[in-house]
Protein backbone atom coordinates (compact mmCIF):
# COMPACT_ATOMS: atom_id res chain seq x y z
CA MET A 1 -21.56 10.53 19.56
CA PHE A 2 -23.03 8.34 21.70
CA ASN A 3 -19.88 6.71 24.37
CA PRO A 4 -20.63 4.01 27.12
CA PHE A 5 -18.37 5.64 28.98
CA ASN A 6 -19.38 8.52 29.67
CA PRO A 7 -22.73 7.08 32.15
CA ARG A 8 -23.52 11.77 31.18
CA SER A 9 -23.70 10.84 27.31
CA GLY A 10 -27.90 10.48 28.27
CA PRO A 11 -29.63 8.92 25.58
CA LEU A 12 -29.42 9.12 21.56
CA THR A 13 -30.78 10.85 19.38
CA VAL A 14 -32.24 8.90 15.70
CA GLN A 15 -29.71 11.20 13.96
CA GLN A 16 -26.51 9.97 17.07
CA VAL A 17 -27.86 6.37 15.70
CA VAL A 18 -27.54 7.52 12.52
CA GLN A 19 -23.47 8.63 12.54
CA ASN A 20 -22.73 5.72 14.33
CA PHE A 21 -23.81 3.68 11.80
CA ARG A 22 -22.55 5.44 9.20
CA LEU A 23 -19.42 6.08 11.05
CA THR A 24 -19.41 2.94 12.55
CA GLY A 25 -19.64 0.81 9.29
CA TRP A 26 -17.63 2.72 6.77
CA ILE A 27 -14.65 2.17 9.27
CA GLY A 28 -15.31 -1.70 9.78
CA LEU A 29 -15.77 -2.03 5.38
CA TRP A 30 -12.74 -0.04 4.57
CA THR A 31 -9.90 -1.96 6.99
CA GLN A 32 -11.08 -5.42 6.62
CA VAL A 33 -11.02 -4.27 2.60
CA ALA A 34 -7.32 -3.26 3.15
CA LEU A 35 -6.63 -6.39 5.62
CA GLY A 36 -7.88 -9.04 3.78
CA ALA A 37 -6.95 -7.02 0.24
CA VAL A 38 -2.62 -7.83 1.60
CA SER A 39 -4.41 -11.02 3.49
CA GLY A 40 -5.41 -12.23 0.09
CA ALA A 41 -2.11 -10.62 -2.22
CA ILE A 42 0.26 -12.30 -0.04
CA LEU A 43 -1.42 -15.60 0.03
CA LEU A 44 -2.20 -15.93 -3.34
CA PHE A 45 1.79 -14.72 -3.91
CA ALA A 46 2.22 -18.24 -1.56
CA GLN A 47 0.84 -20.51 -3.12
CA VAL A 48 1.79 -19.23 -6.46
CA THR A 49 5.95 -19.28 -5.04
CA GLN A 50 5.21 -22.84 -3.56
CA THR A 51 3.69 -24.50 -7.01
CA GLY A 52 6.01 -23.03 -8.94
CA SER A 53 9.14 -23.97 -7.11
CA GLY A 54 8.01 -27.71 -6.59
CA ASP A 55 8.77 -27.82 -3.18
CA GLN A 56 6.02 -29.71 -1.62
CA GLY A 57 7.23 -30.82 1.94
CA ALA A 58 5.63 -29.74 5.38
CA THR A 59 5.49 -26.25 5.46
CA PRO A 60 2.82 -23.99 6.31
CA GLY A 61 2.94 -22.30 2.62
CA SER A 62 1.58 -24.98 1.15
CA GLY A 63 -0.24 -27.31 4.07
CA PHE A 64 -3.28 -27.35 6.00
CA GLY A 65 -2.32 -23.86 8.18
CA LEU A 66 -2.48 -22.28 4.14
CA VAL A 67 -5.37 -24.20 2.96
CA LEU A 68 -7.34 -22.55 6.88
CA ALA A 69 -5.60 -19.11 5.96
CA GLY A 70 -8.02 -18.96 2.83
CA LEU A 71 -10.57 -20.58 4.12
CA GLY A 72 -10.44 -16.97 6.69
CA LEU A 73 -11.20 -14.60 3.41
CA LEU A 74 -14.54 -16.59 2.51
CA PRO A 75 -16.13 -14.97 5.77
CA LEU A 76 -14.52 -11.76 5.60
CA GLY A 77 -15.65 -11.48 2.45
CA VAL A 78 -19.15 -11.96 4.48
CA GLY A 79 -18.44 -9.54 6.68
CA ILE A 80 -17.26 -6.83 4.41
CA PHE A 81 -20.73 -7.35 2.90
CA TRP A 82 -22.44 -7.01 5.63
CA PHE A 83 -20.70 -3.94 6.50
CA TYR A 84 -22.38 -2.41 3.48
CA ARG A 85 -25.27 -3.69 4.13
CA TYR A 86 -24.79 -1.85 8.12
CA VAL A 87 -23.96 1.52 5.95
CA GLY A 88 -27.15 0.89 4.17
CA ILE A 89 -28.24 0.48 7.72
CA ALA A 90 -27.43 4.15 8.42
CA LYS A 91 -29.31 5.24 5.22
CA GLN A 92 -32.39 4.04 6.45
CA LEU A 93 -33.14 5.24 10.04
CA ALA A 94 -31.90 8.29 8.36
CA SER A 95 -34.74 8.57 6.38
CA GLY A 96 -37.54 6.34 8.42
CA GLY A 97 -36.51 7.48 11.41
CA SER A 98 -36.40 5.11 14.44
CA PRO A 99 -39.01 4.05 17.15
CA ALA A 100 -38.60 3.85 20.62
CA ARG A 101 -37.26 0.53 20.53
CA PRO A 102 -34.67 -1.36 18.56
CA ARG A 103 -35.77 -3.00 15.17
CA PRO A 104 -35.86 -6.66 15.98
CA GLY A 105 -34.37 -6.63 11.78
CA VAL A 106 -31.48 -4.16 12.98
CA VAL A 107 -30.41 -6.73 15.58
CA GLN A 108 -30.97 -9.85 13.72
CA ASP A 109 -28.45 -7.91 11.45
CA LEU A 110 -25.92 -6.93 14.27
CA LYS A 111 -25.61 -11.53 15.67
CA ILE A 112 -24.75 -11.58 11.51
CA GLY A 113 -22.60 -10.15 11.96
CA LEU A 114 -20.79 -10.73 14.96
CA GLY A 115 -21.35 -14.24 13.65
CA VAL A 116 -19.59 -13.68 10.75
CA SER A 117 -16.94 -12.31 12.74
CA ILE A 118 -16.74 -14.92 15.54
CA ALA A 119 -16.22 -17.95 12.56
CA GLY A 120 -13.91 -16.37 11.12
CA LEU A 121 -11.76 -15.63 14.35
CA LEU A 122 -12.77 -19.60 14.42
CA ILE A 123 -11.47 -20.10 11.47
CA THR A 124 -7.84 -17.90 11.20
CA THR A 125 -7.16 -18.92 14.68
CA ILE A 126 -7.64 -23.06 13.89
CA GLY A 127 -5.14 -21.90 11.15
CA ALA A 128 -3.04 -20.05 13.46
CA GLU A 129 -2.19 -22.84 15.12
CA ALA A 130 -1.14 -25.01 11.78
CA ILE A 131 1.39 -22.52 10.38
CA MET A 132 2.52 -21.67 14.49
CA GLY A 133 3.46 -25.95 14.83
CA THR A 134 4.76 -26.51 11.44
CA LEU A 135 7.17 -23.63 12.10
CA ALA A 136 7.77 -24.47 15.29
CA ALA A 137 8.79 -28.05 14.39
CA LYS A 138 10.55 -26.23 11.60
CA SER A 139 12.66 -24.64 14.49
CA LEU A 140 12.90 -27.58 16.49
CA THR A 141 14.37 -30.37 13.53
CA GLN A 142 16.56 -27.14 12.10
CA ALA A 143 20.02 -28.45 13.03
CA ALA A 144 22.41 -25.47 13.46
CA GLY A 145 24.49 -26.91 10.41
CA ALA A 146 21.55 -26.91 8.42
CA VAL A 147 21.98 -23.80 6.09
CA LEU A 148 24.87 -24.59 4.68
CA ASN A 149 23.62 -27.90 3.83
CA PRO A 150 19.54 -27.66 3.64
CA VAL A 151 17.86 -30.96 3.30
CA GLN A 152 14.78 -30.00 1.37
CA GLY A 153 11.61 -28.55 3.28
CA SER A 154 13.36 -28.21 6.36
CA LEU A 155 14.52 -23.87 6.32
CA ILE A 156 12.01 -21.84 7.80
CA ARG A 157 11.64 -19.77 4.59
CA PRO A 158 10.00 -16.15 4.35
CA VAL A 159 6.86 -17.60 2.50
CA ASP A 160 6.63 -19.00 5.90
CA ILE A 161 6.98 -15.95 7.47
CA PHE A 162 4.42 -14.51 5.38
CA VAL A 163 1.77 -17.22 5.05
CA ALA A 164 1.31 -16.60 9.35
CA GLN A 165 1.48 -12.73 8.41
CA ALA A 166 -2.04 -13.14 6.19
CA ASN A 167 -3.22 -15.68 9.04
CA THR A 168 -2.58 -12.48 11.78
CA ASN A 169 -3.85 -9.66 8.87
CA THR A 170 -7.56 -11.88 8.34
CA SER A 171 -7.45 -12.63 12.06
CA LEU A 172 -7.21 -8.61 12.95
CA ALA A 173 -9.30 -8.25 10.57
CA HIS A 174 -12.48 -10.17 12.14
CA LEU A 175 -11.33 -8.92 15.12
CA VAL A 176 -12.86 -5.38 13.87
CA GLY A 177 -15.81 -6.75 12.61
CA LEU A 178 -15.95 -7.97 16.07
CA VAL A 179 -15.85 -5.09 18.35
CA CYS A 180 -17.95 -2.33 15.30
CA SER A 181 -20.22 -5.25 15.42
CA LEU A 182 -20.55 -4.74 19.21
CA TRP A 183 -20.24 -1.48 19.51
CA LEU A 184 -23.63 -1.33 17.03
CA LEU A 185 -25.05 -3.44 19.30
CA GLN A 186 -24.45 -1.22 22.19
CA VAL A 187 -26.13 1.31 20.55
CA VAL A 188 -29.11 0.22 19.19
CA TYR A 189 -30.11 -0.87 23.03
CA THR A 190 -28.85 2.46 24.45
CA PRO A 191 -31.96 4.38 25.31
CA ARG A 192 -33.79 7.15 22.29
CA SER A 193 -35.05 10.67 23.67
CA HIS A 194 -36.77 12.03 21.32
CA GLU A 195 -36.00 14.64 18.67
């Protein structure tokens, strides 16, 4: 496999490009599916518990943070589809070979994948700011005796931490997508040898 950190690795063969696309595509796809499923389940749980309890105060589990954490899953769905597309690119390259220079369509697909991951990271980062801001405000205003005599919506609850964890998982999934797409872009621009 190609190693960009080893200058002696030399030009890539078409088979090495295919292996990189196939392996990186599957790793990115399944990592994003796993992290996205966990995040989606946590956010659904948070929404159901908020709706069922009737507590709609200023909490990360019911406000702007939850909305942004949920919106971060949309580009993740696109990213999962895009990584499946990378596996398809590997199949196309394996069956039809590859020109000496990268095909514009492949590079364009990688750039779209990068854009999707960056957009997802942006959404989840803003969501993290909203979630952590709410948690910080609650922790600073929480009085020492609030546990014994709580004010509605003033306590940090476990569901609030779950929402922060779900948002972090989604951010990690977008980061994996970004790193994998950058890796494949490096592979595409590495000179190829003729087999």
